[in-house]
C-alpha atoms as a PDB file:
ATOM      1  CA  UNK A   1     -66.316 -42.158  87.110  1.00  0.00           C
ATOM      2  CA  UNK A   2     -65.084 -40.684  83.784  1.00  0.00           C
ATOM      3  CA  UNK A   3     -62.002 -38.436  84.249  1.00  0.00           C
ATOM      4  CA  UNK A   4     -61.433 -35.363  82.196  1.00  0.00           C
ATOM      5  CA  UNK A   5     -58.515 -37.057  80.377  1.00  0.00           C
ATOM      6  CA  UNK A   6     -60.586 -40.176  79.637  1.00  0.00           C
ATOM      7  CA  UNK A   7     -63.466 -37.970  78.356  1.00  0.00           C
ATOM      8  CA  UNK A   8     -61.051 -36.173  76.041  1.00  0.00           C
ATOM      9  CA  UNK A   9     -59.855 -39.492  74.652  1.00  0.00           C
ATOM     10  CA  UNK A  10     -63.420 -40.627  74.097  1.00  0.00           C
ATOM     11  CA  UNK A  11     -64.266 -37.470  72.159  1.00  0.00           C
ATOM     12  CA  UNK A  12     -61.163 -37.749  70.072  1.00  0.00           C
ATOM     13  CA  UNK A  13     -61.753 -41.320  69.259  1.00  0.00           C
ATOM     14  CA  UNK A  14     -65.262 -40.602  68.127  1.00  0.00           C
ATOM     15  CA  UNK A  15     -64.075 -37.869  65.832  1.00  0.00           C
ATOM     16  CA  UNK A  16     -61.283 -40.078  64.438  1.00  0.00           C
ATOM     17  CA  UNK A  17     -63.932 -42.640  63.536  1.00  0.00           C
ATOM     18  CA  UNK A  18     -65.744 -39.988  61.623  1.00  0.00           C
ATOM     19  CA  UNK A  19     -68.706 -39.738  64.050  1.00  0.00           C
ATOM     20  CA  UNK A  20     -70.564 -36.414  63.896  1.00  0.00           C
ATOM     21  CA  UNK A  21     -73.916 -35.271  65.044  1.00  0.00           C
ATOM     22  CA  UNK A  22     -76.903 -35.641  62.685  1.00  0.00           C
ATOM     23  CA  UNK A  23     -78.780 -32.509  61.578  1.00  0.00           C
ATOM     24  CA  UNK A  24     -81.694 -33.572  63.910  1.00  0.00           C
ATOM     25  CA  UNK A  25     -79.258 -33.862  66.942  1.00  0.00           C
ATOM     26  CA  UNK A  26     -77.663 -30.480  66.127  1.00  0.00           C
ATOM     27  CA  UNK A  27     -81.120 -28.842  66.107  1.00  0.00           C
ATOM     28  CA  UNK A  28     -82.021 -30.407  69.474  1.00  0.00           C
ATOM     29  CA  UNK A  29     -78.772 -29.262  71.017  1.00  0.00           C
ATOM     30  CA  UNK A  30     -79.272 -25.725  69.621  1.00  0.00           C
ATOM     31  CA  UNK A  31     -82.875 -25.528  70.961  1.00  0.00           C
ATOM     32  CA  UNK A  32     -81.805 -26.825  74.378  1.00  0.00           C
ATOM     33  CA  UNK A  33     -79.112 -24.205  74.711  1.00  0.00           C
ATOM     34  CA  UNK A  34     -81.269 -21.277  73.621  1.00  0.00           C
ATOM     35  CA  UNK A  35     -81.532 -18.649  76.433  1.00  0.00           C
ATOM     36  CA  UNK A  36     -78.639 -20.290  78.402  1.00  0.00           C
ATOM     37  CA  UNK A  37     -77.041 -17.451  80.428  1.00  0.00           C
ATOM     38  CA  UNK A  38     -79.643 -14.961  79.414  1.00  0.00           C
ATOM     39  CA  UNK A  39     -79.968 -12.053  81.783  1.00  0.00           C
ATOM     40  CA  UNK A  40     -76.516 -12.733  83.336  1.00  0.00           C
ATOM     41  CA  UNK A  41     -74.273  -9.658  83.383  1.00  0.00           C
ATOM     42  CA  UNK A  42     -70.510  -9.848  83.602  1.00  0.00           C
ATOM     43  CA  UNK A  43     -68.545  -7.248  85.704  1.00  0.00           C
ATOM     44  CA  UNK A  44     -66.021  -5.026  83.945  1.00  0.00           C
ATOM     45  CA  UNK A  45     -63.147  -6.799  85.773  1.00  0.00           C
ATOM     46  CA  UNK A  46     -64.398 -10.202  84.447  1.00  0.00           C
ATOM     47  CA  UNK A  47     -64.743  -8.833  80.861  1.00  0.00           C
ATOM     48  CA  UNK A  48     -61.218  -7.482  81.052  1.00  0.00           C
ATOM     49  CA  UNK A  49     -59.718 -10.749  82.242  1.00  0.00           C
ATOM     50  CA  UNK A  50     -61.645 -12.620  79.532  1.00  0.00           C
ATOM     51  CA  UNK A  51     -60.327 -10.248  76.877  1.00  0.00           C
ATOM     52  CA  UNK A  52     -56.705 -10.630  78.135  1.00  0.00           C
ATOM     53  CA  UNK A  53     -56.945 -14.435  78.256  1.00  0.00           C
ATOM     54  CA  UNK A  54     -58.463 -14.506  74.798  1.00  0.00           C
ATOM     55  CA  UNK A  55     -55.696 -12.364  73.357  1.00  0.00           C
ATOM     56  CA  UNK A  56     -53.046 -14.481  74.978  1.00  0.00           C
ATOM     57  CA  UNK A  57     -54.511 -17.665  73.757  1.00  0.00           C
ATOM     58  CA  UNK A  58     -54.611 -16.575  70.045  1.00  0.00           C
ATOM     59  CA  UNK A  59     -51.430 -14.601  69.953  1.00  0.00           C
ATOM     60  CA  UNK A  60     -49.337 -15.837  66.955  1.00  0.00           C
ATOM     61  CA  UNK A  61     -51.917 -18.444  65.927  1.00  0.00           C
ATOM     62  CA  UNK A  62     -53.489 -18.651  62.492  1.00  0.00           C
ATOM     63  CA  UNK A  63     -56.287 -20.664  60.995  1.00  0.00           C
ATOM     64  CA  UNK A  64     -55.706 -23.159  58.150  1.00  0.00           C
ATOM     65  CA  UNK A  65     -57.318 -22.471  54.762  1.00  0.00           C
ATOM     66  CA  UNK A  66     -59.741 -25.443  55.390  1.00  0.00           C
ATOM     67  CA  UNK A  67     -60.766 -24.015  58.801  1.00  0.00           C
ATOM     68  CA  UNK A  68     -61.290 -20.437  57.314  1.00  0.00           C
ATOM     69  CA  UNK A  69     -63.583 -21.858  54.604  1.00  0.00           C
ATOM     70  CA  UNK A  70     -65.627 -23.738  57.262  1.00  0.00           C
ATOM     71  CA  UNK A  71     -65.931 -20.583  59.311  1.00  0.00           C
ATOM     72  CA  UNK A  72     -66.998 -18.561  56.259  1.00  0.00           C
ATOM     73  CA  UNK A  73     -69.644 -21.225  55.313  1.00  0.00           C
ATOM     74  CA  UNK A  74     -70.968 -21.243  58.863  1.00  0.00           C
ATOM     75  CA  UNK A  75     -71.427 -17.483  58.889  1.00  0.00           C
ATOM     76  CA  UNK A  76     -73.365 -17.417  55.545  1.00  0.00           C
ATOM     77  CA  UNK A  77     -76.984 -16.298  56.038  1.00  0.00           C
ATOM     78  CA  UNK A  78     -76.373 -14.767  59.487  1.00  0.00           C
ATOM     79  CA  UNK A  79     -77.433 -11.195  59.579  1.00  0.00           C
ATOM     80  CA  UNK A  80     -75.076  -9.092  61.764  1.00  0.00           C
ATOM     81  CA  UNK A  81     -76.711  -6.662  64.289  1.00  0.00           C
ATOM     82  CA  UNK A  82     -76.047  -3.025  63.387  1.00  0.00           C
ATOM     83  CA  UNK A  83     -73.452  -1.252  65.473  1.00  0.00           C
ATOM     84  CA  UNK A  84     -74.686   0.942  68.404  1.00  0.00           C
ATOM     85  CA  UNK A  85     -73.638   4.568  68.583  1.00  0.00           C
ATOM     86  CA  UNK A  86     -71.402   3.745  71.517  1.00  0.00           C
ATOM     87  CA  UNK A  87     -69.641   1.038  69.498  1.00  0.00           C
ATOM     88  CA  UNK A  88     -69.175   3.378  66.545  1.00  0.00           C
ATOM     89  CA  UNK A  89     -67.673   6.076  68.810  1.00  0.00           C
ATOM     90  CA  UNK A  90     -65.284   3.594  70.366  1.00  0.00           C
ATOM     91  CA  UNK A  91     -64.116   2.425  66.862  1.00  0.00           C
ATOM     92  CA  UNK A  92     -63.643   6.043  65.754  1.00  0.00           C
ATOM     93  CA  UNK A  93     -61.405   6.700  68.827  1.00  0.00           C
ATOM     94  CA  UNK A  94     -59.290   3.649  68.335  1.00  0.00           C
ATOM     95  CA  UNK A  95     -58.865   4.259  64.614  1.00  0.00           C
ATOM     96  CA  UNK A  96     -57.944   7.946  65.229  1.00  0.00           C
ATOM     97  CA  UNK A  97     -55.338   6.868  67.856  1.00  0.00           C
ATOM     98  CA  UNK A  98     -53.820   4.353  65.383  1.00  0.00           C
ATOM     99  CA  UNK A  99     -53.418   6.902  62.649  1.00  0.00           C
ATOM    100  CA  UNK A 100     -51.646   9.270  65.043  1.00  0.00           C
ATOM    101  CA  UNK A 101     -48.776   6.679  65.144  1.00  0.00           C
ATOM    102  CA  UNK A 102     -46.021   7.267  62.520  1.00  0.00           C
ATOM    103  CA  UNK A 103     -45.268   3.539  62.533  1.00  0.00           C
ATOM    104  CA  UNK A 104     -48.839   2.637  61.671  1.00  0.00           C
ATOM    105  CA  UNK A 105     -49.067   5.164  58.890  1.00  0.00           C
ATOM    106  CA  UNK A 106     -45.762   3.842  57.359  1.00  0.00           C
ATOM    107  CA  UNK A 107     -47.193   0.219  57.619  1.00  0.00           C
ATOM    108  CA  UNK A 108     -50.306   1.197  55.792  1.00  0.00           C
ATOM    109  CA  UNK A 109     -48.274   3.051  53.080  1.00  0.00           C
ATOM    110  CA  UNK A 110     -46.125  -0.029  52.448  1.00  0.00           C
ATOM    111  CA  UNK A 111     -49.272  -2.244  52.331  1.00  0.00           C
ATOM    112  CA  UNK A 112     -50.754   0.034  49.722  1.00  0.00           C
ATOM    113  CA  UNK A 113     -47.570  -0.071  47.629  1.00  0.00           C
ATOM    114  CA  UNK A 114     -47.504  -3.924  47.738  1.00  0.00           C
ATOM    115  CA  UNK A 115     -51.079  -4.137  46.553  1.00  0.00           C
ATOM    116  CA  UNK A 116     -51.092  -5.043  42.820  1.00  0.00           C
ATOM    117  CA  UNK A 117     -54.117  -2.860  42.261  1.00  0.00           C
ATOM    118  CA  UNK A 118     -52.498   0.233  43.772  1.00  0.00           C
ATOM    119  CA  UNK A 119     -52.662   3.220  41.435  1.00  0.00           C
ATOM    120  CA  UNK A 120     -55.336   1.661  39.147  1.00  0.00           C
ATOM    121  CA  UNK A 121     -58.284   3.516  40.688  1.00  0.00           C
ATOM    122  CA  UNK A 122     -60.092   5.515  38.106  1.00  0.00           C
ATOM    123  CA  UNK A 123     -58.221   3.937  35.258  1.00  0.00           C
ATOM    124  CA  UNK A 124     -59.708   1.784  32.437  1.00  0.00           C
ATOM    125  CA  UNK A 125     -58.498  -1.114  30.234  1.00  0.00           C
ATOM    126  CA  UNK A 126     -57.646  -0.271  26.668  1.00  0.00           C
ATOM    127  CA  UNK A 127     -59.903  -1.664  23.893  1.00  0.00           C
ATOM    128  CA  UNK A 128     -57.118  -4.075  22.998  1.00  0.00           C
ATOM    129  CA  UNK A 129     -56.834  -5.359  26.523  1.00  0.00           C
ATOM    130  CA  UNK A 130     -60.562  -5.805  26.822  1.00  0.00           C
ATOM    131  CA  UNK A 131     -60.637  -7.910  23.619  1.00  0.00           C
ATOM    132  CA  UNK A 132     -57.725 -10.002  24.899  1.00  0.00           C
ATOM    133  CA  UNK A 133     -59.352 -10.719  28.279  1.00  0.00           C
ATOM    134  CA  UNK A 134     -62.585 -11.576  26.579  1.00  0.00           C
ATOM    135  CA  UNK A 135     -60.926 -14.081  24.303  1.00  0.00           C
ATOM    136  CA  UNK A 136     -59.100 -15.697  27.268  1.00  0.00           C
ATOM    137  CA  UNK A 137     -62.366 -16.122  29.237  1.00  0.00           C
ATOM    138  CA  UNK A 138     -64.739 -17.236  26.436  1.00  0.00           C
ATOM    139  CA  UNK A 139     -66.828 -20.491  26.921  1.00  0.00           C
ATOM    140  CA  UNK A 140     -64.558 -23.438  27.712  1.00  0.00           C
ATOM    141  CA  UNK A 141     -61.581 -21.114  28.385  1.00  0.00           C
ATOM    142  CA  UNK A 142     -63.435 -19.751  31.393  1.00  0.00           C
ATOM    143  CA  UNK A 143     -62.594 -21.613  34.721  1.00  0.00           C
ATOM    144  CA  UNK A 144     -66.309 -21.669  35.600  1.00  0.00           C
ATOM    145  CA  UNK A 145     -67.294 -23.330  32.253  1.00  0.00           C
ATOM    146  CA  UNK A 146     -69.613 -26.252  32.845  1.00  0.00           C
ATOM    147  CA  UNK A 147     -70.162 -27.507  29.410  1.00  0.00           C
ATOM    148  CA  UNK A 148     -72.822 -25.020  28.436  1.00  0.00           C
ATOM    149  CA  UNK A 149     -75.162 -25.790  31.362  1.00  0.00           C
ATOM    150  CA  UNK A 150     -76.312 -22.154  31.495  1.00  0.00           C
ATOM    151  CA  UNK A 151     -77.787 -22.418  27.931  1.00  0.00           C
ATOM    152  CA  UNK A 152     -80.038 -25.300  28.954  1.00  0.00           C
ATOM    153  CA  UNK A 153     -83.815 -24.416  28.796  1.00  0.00           C
ATOM    154  CA  UNK A 154     -85.918 -24.251  31.985  1.00  0.00           C
ATOM    155  CA  UNK A 155     -88.938 -26.559  32.520  1.00  0.00           C
ATOM    156  CA  UNK A 156     -92.351 -25.319  31.478  1.00  0.00           C
ATOM    157  CA  UNK A 157     -93.471 -25.302  35.151  1.00  0.00           C
ATOM    158  CA  UNK A 158     -90.832 -22.656  35.972  1.00  0.00           C
ATOM    159  CA  UNK A 159     -93.099 -19.748  35.214  1.00  0.00           C
ATOM    160  CA  UNK A 160     -94.101 -16.318  36.602  1.00  0.00           C
ATOM    161  CA  UNK A 161     -96.854 -17.839  38.729  1.00  0.00           C
ATOM    162  CA  UNK A 162     -94.481 -20.166  40.542  1.00  0.00           C
ATOM    163  CA  UNK A 163     -91.937 -17.406  41.106  1.00  0.00           C
ATOM    164  CA  UNK A 164     -94.592 -15.061  42.489  1.00  0.00           C
ATOM    165  CA  UNK A 165     -95.784 -17.789  44.872  1.00  0.00           C
ATOM    166  CA  UNK A 166     -92.276 -18.491  46.171  1.00  0.00           C
ATOM    167  CA  UNK A 167     -91.463 -14.875  46.675  1.00  0.00           C
ATOM    168  CA  UNK A 168     -94.693 -14.281  48.579  1.00  0.00           C
ATOM    169  CA  UNK A 169     -94.014 -17.263  50.838  1.00  0.00           C
ATOM    170  CA  UNK A 170     -90.834 -15.596  52.185  1.00  0.00           C
ATOM    171  CA  UNK A 171     -92.377 -12.133  52.446  1.00  0.00           C
ATOM    172  CA  UNK A 172     -90.495 -10.846  49.386  1.00  0.00           C
ATOM    173  CA  UNK A 173     -87.127 -11.175  51.291  1.00  0.00           C
ATOM    174  CA  UNK A 174     -83.824 -12.883  50.406  1.00  0.00           C
ATOM    175  CA  UNK A 175     -83.616 -16.125  52.352  1.00  0.00           C
ATOM    176  CA  UNK A 176     -79.859 -15.621  52.629  1.00  0.00           C
ATOM    177  CA  UNK A 177     -79.217 -12.053  53.672  1.00  0.00           C
ATOM    178  CA  UNK A 178     -82.773 -10.930  54.518  1.00  0.00           C
ATOM    179  CA  UNK A 179     -82.872  -7.894  52.253  1.00  0.00           C
ATOM    180  CA  UNK A 180     -86.317  -6.878  50.937  1.00  0.00           C
ATOM    181  CA  UNK A 181     -87.123  -6.786  47.244  1.00  0.00           C
ATOM    182  CA  UNK A 182     -87.965  -3.070  47.421  1.00  0.00           C
ATOM    183  CA  UNK A 183     -84.455  -2.252  48.576  1.00  0.00           C
ATOM    184  CA  UNK A 184     -82.938  -3.062  45.160  1.00  0.00           C
ATOM    185  CA  UNK A 185     -85.930  -2.153  43.079  1.00  0.00           C
ATOM    186  CA  UNK A 186     -85.463  -5.533  41.364  1.00  0.00           C
ATOM    187  CA  UNK A 187     -87.350  -8.774  41.577  1.00  0.00           C
ATOM    188  CA  UNK A 188     -85.796 -11.498  43.682  1.00  0.00           C
ATOM    189  CA  UNK A 189     -84.143 -14.398  41.840  1.00  0.00           C
ATOM    190  CA  UNK A 190     -85.245 -18.020  42.182  1.00  0.00           C
ATOM    191  CA  UNK A 191     -82.216 -20.293  42.567  1.00  0.00           C
ATOM    192  CA  UNK A 192     -82.157 -24.033  41.692  1.00  0.00           C
ATOM    193  CA  UNK A 193     -80.330 -25.660  44.650  1.00  0.00           C
ATOM    194  CA  UNK A 194     -78.976 -28.588  42.521  1.00  0.00           C
ATOM    195  CA  UNK A 195     -78.322 -26.256  39.467  1.00  0.00           C
ATOM    196  CA  UNK A 196     -80.625 -28.444  37.360  1.00  0.00           C
ATOM    197  CA  UNK A 197     -82.994 -26.146  35.486  1.00  0.00           C
ATOM    198  CA  UNK A 198     -85.443 -29.029  34.800  1.00  0.00           C
ATOM    199  CA  UNK A 199     -85.899 -29.848  38.455  1.00  0.00           C
ATOM    200  CA  UNK A 200     -88.528 -27.297  39.448  1.00  0.00           C
ATOM    201  CA  UNK A 201     -89.731 -28.976  42.633  1.00  0.00           C
ATOM    202  CA  UNK A 202     -90.414 -26.324  45.338  1.00  0.00           C
ATOM    203  CA  UNK A 203     -87.996 -28.111  47.679  1.00  0.00           C
ATOM    204  CA  UNK A 204     -85.224 -27.487  45.074  1.00  0.00           C
ATOM    205  CA  UNK A 205     -85.928 -23.760  44.689  1.00  0.00           C
ATOM    206  CA  UNK A 206     -84.868 -20.934  47.020  1.00  0.00           C
ATOM    207  CA  UNK A 207     -85.420 -17.248  46.881  1.00  0.00           C
ATOM    208  CA  UNK A 208     -82.245 -15.042  46.672  1.00  0.00           C
ATOM    209  CA  UNK A 209     -81.408 -11.380  45.917  1.00  0.00           C
ATOM    210  CA  UNK A 210     -79.163 -10.686  42.902  1.00  0.00           C
ATOM    211  CA  UNK A 211     -76.199 -10.058  45.194  1.00  0.00           C
ATOM    212  CA  UNK A 212     -76.501 -13.435  46.887  1.00  0.00           C
ATOM    213  CA  UNK A 213     -77.480 -15.256  43.715  1.00  0.00           C
ATOM    214  CA  UNK A 214     -74.204 -14.179  42.031  1.00  0.00           C
ATOM    215  CA  UNK A 215     -72.161 -15.765  44.810  1.00  0.00           C
ATOM    216  CA  UNK A 216     -73.630 -19.214  44.015  1.00  0.00           C
ATOM    217  CA  UNK A 217     -71.769 -19.234  40.627  1.00  0.00           C
ATOM    218  CA  UNK A 218     -68.693 -20.373  42.535  1.00  0.00           C
ATOM    219  CA  UNK A 219     -67.987 -23.367  44.818  1.00  0.00           C
ATOM    220  CA  UNK A 220     -71.194 -25.003  43.663  1.00  0.00           C
ATOM    221  CA  UNK A 221     -70.808 -28.234  45.696  1.00  0.00           C
ATOM    222  CA  UNK A 222     -70.529 -26.173  48.915  1.00  0.00           C
ATOM    223  CA  UNK A 223     -73.645 -24.222  48.044  1.00  0.00           C
ATOM    224  CA  UNK A 224     -75.635 -27.414  47.199  1.00  0.00           C
ATOM    225  CA  UNK A 225     -74.756 -28.855  50.630  1.00  0.00           C
ATOM    226  CA  UNK A 226     -75.402 -25.573  52.446  1.00  0.00           C
ATOM    227  CA  UNK A 227     -78.815 -24.925  50.907  1.00  0.00           C
ATOM    228  CA  UNK A 228     -79.905 -28.553  51.231  1.00  0.00           C
ATOM    229  CA  UNK A 229     -79.216 -28.484  54.980  1.00  0.00           C
ATOM    230  CA  UNK A 230     -80.893 -25.114  55.232  1.00  0.00           C
ATOM    231  CA  UNK A 231     -84.044 -26.390  53.627  1.00  0.00           C
ATOM    232  CA  UNK A 232     -84.031 -29.540  55.882  1.00  0.00           C
ATOM    233  CA  UNK A 233     -83.538 -27.398  58.964  1.00  0.00           C
ATOM    234  CA  UNK A 234     -86.458 -25.129  57.878  1.00  0.00           C
ATOM    235  CA  UNK A 235     -88.779 -28.100  57.479  1.00  0.00           C
ATOM    236  CA  UNK A 236     -87.822 -29.466  60.882  1.00  0.00           C
ATOM    237  CA  UNK A 237     -88.633 -26.193  62.701  1.00  0.00           C
ATOM    238  CA  UNK A 238     -91.637 -25.507  60.476  1.00  0.00           C
ATOM    239  CA  UNK A 239     -90.444 -22.352  58.690  1.00  0.00           C
END
């Protein structure tokens, strides 16, 4: 019989060896847990105890930069449910109560003063500053410069017909945030997952709105890994 301590040691050793679940196993686990606990309602007393225990556990603890990045990546593409009127009212009451405290108001004032952008609202750069900033961020001086990759031509197969087909397949919705093309009055963008403009295979293309497409200009390796896994997952579940 495996004791709890022995089981913990086994899990730890598997992680130390670099063993992680494959995408297929992750999908099976996810599907097997769907609906678990559905319909069960917790009493108010249980909710209160869970809340207190949670607050006690995390008090004074902070996440590392690496953990925060992983959490951020895991949340990408997940559409949050809109707040109910009851939740909004609760937030309003809590916020109002906070601002009644002199200590809280003073803390917010000091935070604003320590913000480097405090007092800049409504102000504009002079023409001289604009020119200086432009010169500092031109071509190879820009931290996002990749040797002129953006100037490379697209393949001839990357045409309007292909773009229309891909947009229609996803119902004219951004595959990342779910927003519809009509919401922005602008056609959805077609993003190359591996950033190679000549690779116009449909498995390498994904439909994004302008807002989500702009985000892919940074942390490119993370986005390549994320979209590749997302495509693989979509093929496995048939979407």
